[in-house]
C-alpha atoms as a PDB file:
ATOM      1  CA  MET A   1       3.265  -7.261   5.287  1.00  0.00           C
ATOM      2  CA  SER A   2       6.111  -8.921   7.157  1.00  0.00           C
ATOM      3  CA  ILE A   3       6.171  -7.478  10.631  1.00  0.00           C
ATOM      4  CA  ARG A   4       8.581 -10.243  11.571  1.00  0.00           C
ATOM      5  CA  HIS A   5      11.266  -9.045   9.181  1.00  0.00           C
ATOM      6  CA  GLY A   6      10.494  -5.341   9.677  1.00  0.00           C
ATOM      7  CA  LEU A   7      11.323  -5.719  13.395  1.00  0.00           C
ATOM      8  CA  LEU A   8      14.490  -7.738  12.607  1.00  0.00           C
ATOM      9  CA  ALA A   9      15.497  -4.858  10.278  1.00  0.00           C
ATOM     10  CA  LEU A  10      15.122  -2.313  13.044  1.00  0.00           C
ATOM     11  CA  LEU A  11      16.912  -4.545  15.672  1.00  0.00           C
ATOM     12  CA  GLU A  12      19.839  -4.860  13.312  1.00  0.00           C
ATOM     13  CA  ARG A  13      20.525  -1.197  14.170  1.00  0.00           C
ATOM     14  CA  GLY A  14      20.794  -1.953  17.767  1.00  0.00           C
ATOM     15  CA  PRO A  15      18.775  -3.318  20.766  1.00  0.00           C
ATOM     16  CA  ARG A  16      15.292  -1.929  21.107  1.00  0.00           C
ATOM     17  CA  TYR A  17      12.309  -2.473  23.390  1.00  0.00           C
ATOM     18  CA  GLY A  18       8.782  -3.099  22.178  1.00  0.00           C
ATOM     19  CA  SER A  19       7.238   0.374  22.179  1.00  0.00           C
ATOM     20  CA  GLN A  20      10.395   1.777  20.592  1.00  0.00           C
ATOM     21  CA  LEU A  21      10.174  -0.724  17.823  1.00  0.00           C
ATOM     22  CA  ARG A  22       6.514   0.209  17.274  1.00  0.00           C
ATOM     23  CA  THR A  23       7.316   3.894  17.068  1.00  0.00           C
ATOM     24  CA  GLU A  24      10.262   3.387  14.647  1.00  0.00           C
ATOM     25  CA  PHE A  25       8.282   0.929  12.421  1.00  0.00           C
ATOM     26  CA  GLU A  26       5.490   3.476  12.063  1.00  0.00           C
ATOM     27  CA  SER A  27       7.935   6.327  11.467  1.00  0.00           C
ATOM     28  CA  ARG A  28       9.695   4.381   8.702  1.00  0.00           C
ATOM     29  CA  THR A  29       6.437   3.555   6.962  1.00  0.00           C
ATOM     30  CA  GLY A  30       4.563   6.781   7.697  1.00  0.00           C
ATOM     31  CA  SER A  31       1.969   4.919   9.876  1.00  0.00           C
ATOM     32  CA  THR A  32       0.610   3.382   6.662  1.00  0.00           C
ATOM     33  CA  TRP A  33       0.380  -0.017   8.477  1.00  0.00           C
ATOM     34  CA  PRO A  34      -0.047   0.938  12.203  1.00  0.00           C
ATOM     35  CA  LEU A  35       1.005  -1.664  14.838  1.00  0.00           C
ATOM     36  CA  ASN A  36      -0.236  -2.089  18.375  1.00  0.00           C
ATOM     37  CA  VAL A  37       2.179  -2.914  21.169  1.00  0.00           C
ATOM     38  CA  GLY A  38       0.620  -6.263  21.780  1.00  0.00           C
ATOM     39  CA  GLN A  39       1.273  -7.248  18.191  1.00  0.00           C
ATOM     40  CA  VAL A  40       4.922  -6.229  18.497  1.00  0.00           C
ATOM     41  CA  TYR A  41       5.552  -8.187  21.760  1.00  0.00           C
ATOM     42  CA  THR A  42       3.792 -11.248  20.272  1.00  0.00           C
ATOM     43  CA  THR A  43       6.039 -11.120  17.224  1.00  0.00           C
ATOM     44  CA  LEU A  44       9.141 -10.614  19.492  1.00  0.00           C
ATOM     45  CA  ALA A  45       8.077 -13.693  21.497  1.00  0.00           C
ATOM     46  CA  ARG A  46       7.940 -15.755  18.310  1.00  0.00           C
ATOM     47  CA  LEU A  47      11.289 -14.401  17.079  1.00  0.00           C
ATOM     48  CA  GLU A  48      12.840 -15.295  20.428  1.00  0.00           C
ATOM     49  CA  ARG A  49      11.289 -18.776  20.246  1.00  0.00           C
ATOM     50  CA  ASP A  50      12.893 -19.244  16.794  1.00  0.00           C
ATOM     51  CA  GLY A  51      16.250 -18.035  17.984  1.00  0.00           C
ATOM     52  CA  LEU A  52      16.185 -14.924  15.820  1.00  0.00           C
ATOM     53  CA  VAL A  53      16.320 -12.415  18.748  1.00  0.00           C
ATOM     54  CA  ALA A  54      17.371 -12.670  22.331  1.00  0.00           C
ATOM     55  CA  PRO A  55      16.890 -10.521  25.468  1.00  0.00           C
ATOM     56  CA  GLY A  56      19.533  -7.826  25.560  1.00  0.00           C
ATOM     57  CA  GLY A  57      19.249  -6.554  29.140  1.00  0.00           C
ATOM     58  CA  GLU A  58      17.387  -3.387  30.197  1.00  0.00           C
ATOM     59  CA  ASP A  59      17.694   0.323  29.548  1.00  0.00           C
ATOM     60  CA  ALA A  60      17.912   2.957  32.215  1.00  0.00           C
ATOM     61  CA  ALA A  61      14.126   3.133  32.424  1.00  0.00           C
ATOM     62  CA  GLY A  62      13.815  -0.612  33.050  1.00  0.00           C
ATOM     63  CA  HIS A  63      12.550  -1.495  29.574  1.00  0.00           C
ATOM     64  CA  THR A  64      13.445  -5.037  28.441  1.00  0.00           C
ATOM     65  CA  LEU A  65      15.632  -4.771  25.343  1.00  0.00           C
ATOM     66  CA  TYR A  66      15.811  -7.243  22.512  1.00  0.00           C
ATOM     67  CA  ALA A  67      18.793  -7.828  20.273  1.00  0.00           C
ATOM     68  CA  ILE A  68      19.109  -9.643  16.961  1.00  0.00           C
ATOM     69  CA  THR A  69      21.061 -12.853  16.933  1.00  0.00           C
ATOM     70  CA  ASP A  70      23.446 -14.069  14.232  1.00  0.00           C
ATOM     71  CA  THR A  71      20.638 -16.410  13.062  1.00  0.00           C
ATOM     72  CA  GLY A  72      18.246 -13.504  12.958  1.00  0.00           C
ATOM     73  CA  ARG A  73      20.690 -11.448  10.935  1.00  0.00           C
ATOM     74  CA  ALA A  74      21.132 -14.287   8.432  1.00  0.00           C
ATOM     75  CA  GLU A  75      17.290 -14.625   8.187  1.00  0.00           C
ATOM     76  CA  LEU A  76      17.032 -10.818   7.614  1.00  0.00           C
ATOM     77  CA  HIS A  77      19.525 -10.686   4.766  1.00  0.00           C
ATOM     78  CA  GLU A  78      18.011 -13.772   3.219  1.00  0.00           C
ATOM     79  CA  TRP A  79      14.690 -11.909   3.211  1.00  0.00           C
ATOM     80  CA  TYR A  80      16.335  -8.898   1.554  1.00  0.00           C
ATOM     81  CA  GLU A  81      17.643 -11.035  -1.235  1.00  0.00           C
ATOM     82  CA  ARG A  82      14.483 -13.141  -1.744  1.00  0.00           C
ATOM     83  CA  PRO A  83      11.793 -11.784  -4.142  1.00  0.00           C
ATOM     84  CA  VAL A  84       8.363 -11.321  -2.683  1.00  0.00           C
ATOM     85  CA  ASP A  85       6.345 -14.372  -3.577  1.00  0.00           C
ATOM     86  CA  ARG A  86       3.400 -13.476  -5.887  1.00  0.00           C
ATOM     87  CA  ALA A  87       2.190 -17.109  -6.384  1.00  0.00           C
ATOM     88  CA  HIS A  88      -0.401 -16.691  -3.523  1.00  0.00           C
ATOM     89  CA  PRO A  89      -1.496 -13.025  -3.647  1.00  0.00           C
ATOM     90  CA  PRO A  90      -3.235 -11.719  -0.559  1.00  0.00           C
ATOM     91  CA  ARG A  91      -7.099 -11.471  -0.713  1.00  0.00           C
ATOM     92  CA  ASP A  92      -8.137  -8.135  -2.186  1.00  0.00           C
ATOM     93  CA  GLU A  93     -11.531  -6.819  -0.933  1.00  0.00           C
ATOM     94  CA  LEU A  94     -12.342  -4.819  -4.079  1.00  0.00           C
ATOM     95  CA  SER A  95     -11.601  -7.785  -6.340  1.00  0.00           C
ATOM     96  CA  ILE A  96     -13.841 -10.044  -4.246  1.00  0.00           C
ATOM     97  CA  LYS A  97     -16.613  -7.428  -4.072  1.00  0.00           C
ATOM     98  CA  LEU A  98     -16.742  -6.982  -7.884  1.00  0.00           C
ATOM     99  CA  ALA A  99     -16.555 -10.743  -8.329  1.00  0.00           C
ATOM    100  CA  MET A 100     -19.528 -11.210  -5.994  1.00  0.00           C
ATOM    101  CA  ALA A 101     -21.427  -8.341  -7.492  1.00  0.00           C
ATOM    102  CA  VAL A 102     -21.436  -9.821 -11.006  1.00  0.00           C
ATOM    103  CA  GLY A 103     -24.999 -11.125 -11.560  1.00  0.00           C
ATOM    104  CA  ALA A 104     -26.065 -10.459  -7.970  1.00  0.00           C
ATOM    105  CA  PRO A 105     -29.759  -9.530  -7.763  1.00  0.00           C
ATOM    106  CA  GLY A 106     -30.483  -5.845  -7.089  1.00  0.00           C
ATOM    107  CA  VAL A 107     -26.855  -4.768  -7.437  1.00  0.00           C
ATOM    108  CA  ASP A 108     -25.844  -2.190  -9.967  1.00  0.00           C
ATOM    109  CA  ILE A 109     -22.191  -3.178 -10.560  1.00  0.00           C
ATOM    110  CA  ARG A 110     -21.483  -0.083 -12.699  1.00  0.00           C
ATOM    111  CA  ALA A 111     -22.537   2.076  -9.727  1.00  0.00           C
ATOM    112  CA  VAL A 112     -20.234   0.048  -7.408  1.00  0.00           C
ATOM    113  CA  ILE A 113     -17.382   0.743  -9.906  1.00  0.00           C
ATOM    114  CA  GLN A 114     -18.198   4.446 -10.064  1.00  0.00           C
ATOM    115  CA  ALA A 115     -18.243   4.778  -6.283  1.00  0.00           C
ATOM    116  CA  GLN A 116     -14.932   3.056  -5.973  1.00  0.00           C
ATOM    117  CA  ARG A 117     -13.443   5.107  -8.719  1.00  0.00           C
ATOM    118  CA  HIS A 118     -14.302   8.363  -6.891  1.00  0.00           C
ATOM    119  CA  ALA A 119     -12.690   6.937  -3.669  1.00  0.00           C
ATOM    120  CA  THR A 120      -9.647   5.704  -5.558  1.00  0.00           C
ATOM    121  CA  ILE A 121      -8.971   9.041  -7.268  1.00  0.00           C
ATOM    122  CA  LYS A 122      -9.475  10.841  -3.905  1.00  0.00           C
ATOM    123  CA  ALA A 123      -6.919   8.621  -2.322  1.00  0.00           C
ATOM    124  CA  MET A 124      -4.442   9.189  -5.106  1.00  0.00           C
ATOM    125  CA  GLN A 125      -4.822  12.941  -4.760  1.00  0.00           C
ATOM    126  CA  ASP A 126      -4.042  12.657  -1.056  1.00  0.00           C
ATOM    127  CA  TYR A 127      -0.976  10.488  -1.669  1.00  0.00           C
ATOM    128  CA  THR A 128       0.248  12.898  -4.349  1.00  0.00           C
ATOM    129  CA  ARG A 129      -0.016  15.859  -1.959  1.00  0.00           C
ATOM    130  CA  LEU A 130       1.803  13.932   0.753  1.00  0.00           C
ATOM    131  CA  LYS A 131       4.531  13.031  -1.771  1.00  0.00           C
ATOM    132  CA  ALA A 132       5.058  16.684  -2.609  1.00  0.00           C
ATOM    133  CA  THR A 133       5.322  17.497   1.159  1.00  0.00           C
ATOM    134  CA  ALA A 134       7.882  14.648   1.652  1.00  0.00           C
ATOM    135  CA  LEU A 135      10.009  15.729  -1.265  1.00  0.00           C
ATOM    136  CA  ALA A 136      10.003  19.385  -0.050  1.00  0.00           C
ATOM    137  CA  ALA A 137      11.085  18.287   3.465  1.00  0.00           C
ATOM    138  CA  ILE A 138      13.905  16.064   1.921  1.00  0.00           C
ATOM    139  CA  GLU A 139      15.080  18.658  -0.534  1.00  0.00           C
ATOM    140  CA  GLY A 140      14.923  21.431   2.076  1.00  0.00           C
ATOM    141  CA  GLY A 141      16.959  19.535   4.676  1.00  0.00           C
ATOM    142  CA  ARG A 142      14.051  19.717   7.171  1.00  0.00           C
ATOM    143  CA  SER A 143      13.688  15.964   7.651  1.00  0.00           C
ATOM    144  CA  ARG A 144      15.172  12.908   9.232  1.00  0.00           C
ATOM    145  CA  GLU A 145      16.276  11.813   5.842  1.00  0.00           C
ATOM    146  CA  ARG A 146      16.286   8.034   6.193  1.00  0.00           C
ATOM    147  CA  ASP A 147      12.729   7.876   7.508  1.00  0.00           C
ATOM    148  CA  ASP A 148      11.475  10.415   5.115  1.00  0.00           C
ATOM    149  CA  VAL A 149      13.050   8.652   2.016  1.00  0.00           C
ATOM    150  CA  ALA A 150      11.513   5.392   3.231  1.00  0.00           C
ATOM    151  CA  TRP A 151       8.119   7.133   3.641  1.00  0.00           C
ATOM    152  CA  LEU A 152       8.501   8.570   0.122  1.00  0.00           C
ATOM    153  CA  LEU A 153       9.076   5.099  -1.368  1.00  0.00           C
ATOM    154  CA  VAL A 154       5.973   3.806   0.448  1.00  0.00           C
ATOM    155  CA  LEU A 155       3.968   6.754  -0.857  1.00  0.00           C
ATOM    156  CA  GLU A 156       5.021   6.264  -4.415  1.00  0.00           C
ATOM    157  CA  GLN A 157       4.069   2.556  -4.206  1.00  0.00           C
ATOM    158  CA  LEU A 158       0.646   3.636  -3.023  1.00  0.00           C
ATOM    159  CA  ILE A 159       0.383   6.099  -5.923  1.00  0.00           C
ATOM    160  CA  PHE A 160       1.260   3.453  -8.423  1.00  0.00           C
ATOM    161  CA  GLN A 161      -1.155   1.023  -6.800  1.00  0.00           C
ATOM    162  CA  THR A 162      -4.064   3.558  -6.973  1.00  0.00           C
ATOM    163  CA  GLU A 163      -3.187   4.393 -10.599  1.00  0.00           C
ATOM    164  CA  ALA A 164      -3.350   0.660 -11.421  1.00  0.00           C
ATOM    165  CA  GLU A 165      -6.637   0.320  -9.570  1.00  0.00           C
ATOM    166  CA  ALA A 166      -8.227   3.268 -11.443  1.00  0.00           C
ATOM    167  CA  ARG A 167      -7.192   1.735 -14.798  1.00  0.00           C
ATOM    168  CA  TRP A 168      -8.500  -1.717 -13.779  1.00  0.00           C
ATOM    169  CA  LEU A 169     -11.847  -0.225 -12.819  1.00  0.00           C
ATOM    170  CA  ASP A 170     -12.095   1.478 -16.240  1.00  0.00           C
ATOM    171  CA  HIS A 171     -11.245  -1.814 -17.786  1.00  0.00           C
ATOM    172  CA  CYS A 172     -13.921  -3.677 -15.761  1.00  0.00           C
ATOM    173  CA  GLU A 173     -16.558  -1.127 -16.834  1.00  0.00           C
ATOM    174  CA  ALA A 174     -15.566  -1.389 -20.474  1.00  0.00           C
ATOM    175  CA  ARG A 175     -15.606  -5.196 -20.221  1.00  0.00           C
ATOM    176  CA  LEU A 176     -19.081  -5.273 -18.749  1.00  0.00           C
ATOM    177  CA  VAL A 177     -20.478  -2.896 -21.364  1.00  0.00           C
ATOM    178  CA  ARG A 178     -18.934  -5.183 -24.122  1.00  0.00           C
ATOM    179  CA  LEU A 179     -20.351  -8.333 -22.519  1.00  0.00           C
ATOM    180  CA  SER A 180     -23.793  -6.823 -22.267  1.00  0.00           C
ATOM    181  CA  LEU A 181     -23.989  -6.302 -26.063  1.00  0.00           C
ATOM    182  CA  PRO A 182     -25.885  -8.864 -28.230  1.00  0.00           C
ATOM    183  CA  ALA A 183     -23.604 -11.614 -29.509  1.00  0.00           C
ATOM    184  CA  ASP A 184     -23.547 -10.308 -33.100  1.00  0.00           C
ATOM    185  CA  ARG A 185     -22.439  -6.805 -32.041  1.00  0.00           C
ATOM    186  CA  ARG A 186     -19.958  -8.265 -29.518  1.00  0.00           C
ATOM    187  CA  ALA A 187     -18.153 -10.072 -32.379  1.00  0.00           C
ATOM    188  CA  THR A 188     -17.315  -6.818 -34.038  1.00  0.00           C
ATOM    189  CA  THR A 189     -16.610  -4.673 -30.927  1.00  0.00           C
ATOM    190  CA  PRO A 190     -12.890  -4.505 -30.074  1.00  0.00           C
ATOM    191  CA  GLU A 191     -11.556  -5.741 -26.750  1.00  0.00           C
ATOM    192  CA  PRO A 192     -11.068  -3.151 -24.040  1.00  0.00           C
ATOM    193  CA  PRO A 193      -7.704  -1.499 -24.581  1.00  0.00           C
ATOM    194  CA  GLN A 194      -4.756  -2.598 -22.414  1.00  0.00           C
ATOM    195  CA  ALA A 195      -3.570   0.104 -20.146  1.00  0.00           C
ATOM    196  CA  ALA A 196       0.019   1.300 -20.367  1.00  0.00           C
ATOM    197  CA  PRO A 197       2.292   0.670 -17.391  1.00  0.00           C
ATOM    198  CA  ALA A 198       2.151   3.164 -14.625  1.00  0.00           C
ATOM    199  CA  GLY A 199       4.861   5.777 -15.026  1.00  0.00           C
ATOM    200  CA  SER A 200       3.351   9.166 -14.127  1.00  0.00           C
ATOM    201  CA  ASP A 201       5.615  11.276 -12.028  1.00  0.00           C
ATOM    202  CA  THR A 202       2.770  13.134 -10.296  1.00  0.00           C
ATOM    203  CA  GLY A 203       0.506  10.145  -9.880  1.00  0.00           C
ATOM    204  CA  THR A 204      -2.311  11.711 -11.834  1.00  0.00           C
ATOM    205  CA  GLN A 205      -1.576  11.383 -15.583  1.00  0.00           C
ATOM    206  CA  ALA A 206      -2.167   7.540 -16.074  1.00  0.00           C
ATOM    207  CA  PRO A 207      -5.595   7.528 -14.291  1.00  0.00           C
ATOM    208  CA  ALA A 208      -6.715  10.567 -16.331  1.00  0.00           C
ATOM    209  CA  GLN A 209      -5.968   8.708 -19.558  1.00  0.00           C
ATOM    210  CA  ALA A 210      -7.794   5.654 -18.209  1.00  0.00           C
ATOM    211  CA  GLN A 211     -10.898   7.640 -17.401  1.00  0.00           C
ATOM    212  CA  ALA A 212     -10.986   8.971 -20.976  1.00  0.00           C
ATOM    213  CA  GLN A 213     -11.446   5.327 -22.113  1.00  0.00           C
ATOM    214  CA  ALA A 214     -14.311   4.572 -19.824  1.00  0.00           C
ATOM    215  CA  PRO A 215     -17.892   4.615 -21.207  1.00  0.00           C
ATOM    216  CA  ALA A 216     -19.180   6.808 -18.231  1.00  0.00           C
ATOM    217  CA  PRO A 217     -16.226   8.588 -16.596  1.00  0.00           C
ATOM    218  CA  ALA A 218     -16.759   9.834 -13.097  1.00  0.00           C
ATOM    219  CA  PRO A 219     -16.577  13.608 -12.387  1.00  0.00           C
ATOM    220  CA  ALA A 220     -13.508  14.769 -10.545  1.00  0.00           C
ATOM    221  CA  PRO A 221     -14.089  15.199  -6.752  1.00  0.00           C
ATOM    222  CA  THR A 222     -15.165  18.748  -5.902  1.00  0.00           C
ATOM    223  CA  THR A 223     -14.328  18.561  -2.168  1.00  0.00           C
ATOM    224  CA  ARG A 224     -10.856  18.754  -0.740  1.00  0.00           C
ATOM    225  CA  PRO A 225      -9.815  15.238   0.310  1.00  0.00           C
ATOM    226  CA  ARG A 226      -8.812  14.574   3.880  1.00  0.00           C
ATOM    227  CA  THR A 227      -5.119  13.961   4.408  1.00  0.00           C
ATOM    228  CA  ALA A 228      -4.410  10.292   4.375  1.00  0.00           C
ATOM    229  CA  ARG A 229      -1.572  10.631   6.936  1.00  0.00           C
ATOM    230  CA  THR A 230      -2.081  13.064   9.788  1.00  0.00           C
ATOM    231  CA  ARG A 231       0.940  12.400  11.828  1.00  0.00           C
ATOM    232  CA  ARG A 232       4.437  11.207  11.611  1.00  0.00           C
ATOM    233  CA  GLY A 233       5.148   8.152  13.684  1.00  0.00           C
END
C-alpha cells in the first residue's frame, strides 16, 4: 500500500493538514487500511524532505497545511501511469502458514485449510453485503459519489481476492490428497483442476464451484457474519 502516493493524490485536490488527510484517506478506502496521525505526519515529513510537498500556511484553526509541489505532481502522475510491480510480491501470512505446516509434526494441515476456508467465505459474505449497500447508496443518490465509488472498487477487489483465496485453498487440499496417494495410484490420478478466472458478479459463485471440487468441502457458516466495515471514514 502506497501511503506516500495516496497522500499526494489527496493533496492534488488542494492543501490539507495531517488529520484531514487521514480522514479523507480512510473515507476514500472505506477504512480498509486505517492510518494513524503519526504515520501521516511521518510520511508528510519525508515528502517534504524529497521536495514533493511544501508547507502551505495555516487554516483558520491554526492547522499547518501542506501543498503538493510541481515535483510531487509529476511523481503522482508517474505513479498513476506505472503498473504495480509484481516481481517482489508482499509476504502473505496464509501462504507462509501453509508452507510451514507442510510436514510439521502434530499439525493437521487439512484442518488448517478447513478453518481458513470458513473464515474466507465469511469475509466474502461480509464484503458482498457491503457491496450491495454501497451500490444502493450510489444508485439512490444518497452518497458522496466519488468516495462511495472508490470504496466500491476496493470492495470488489476484496471480493475477487477472497474468491481466489477460496479456490486456492480447494486446490491445496486436492493437491495434498493426491500427493498422499501411493506412487502407482498417483500416476493415474489427474492433476487438480485449474480454477476459472474470477468473474462472479455477486462474489459467491466462483467459490461455490471451487468448493464442489474439494475432497471435503466445508459447511456454509450458520451464524450471521459481523460487518467487516462498521463506519465510514
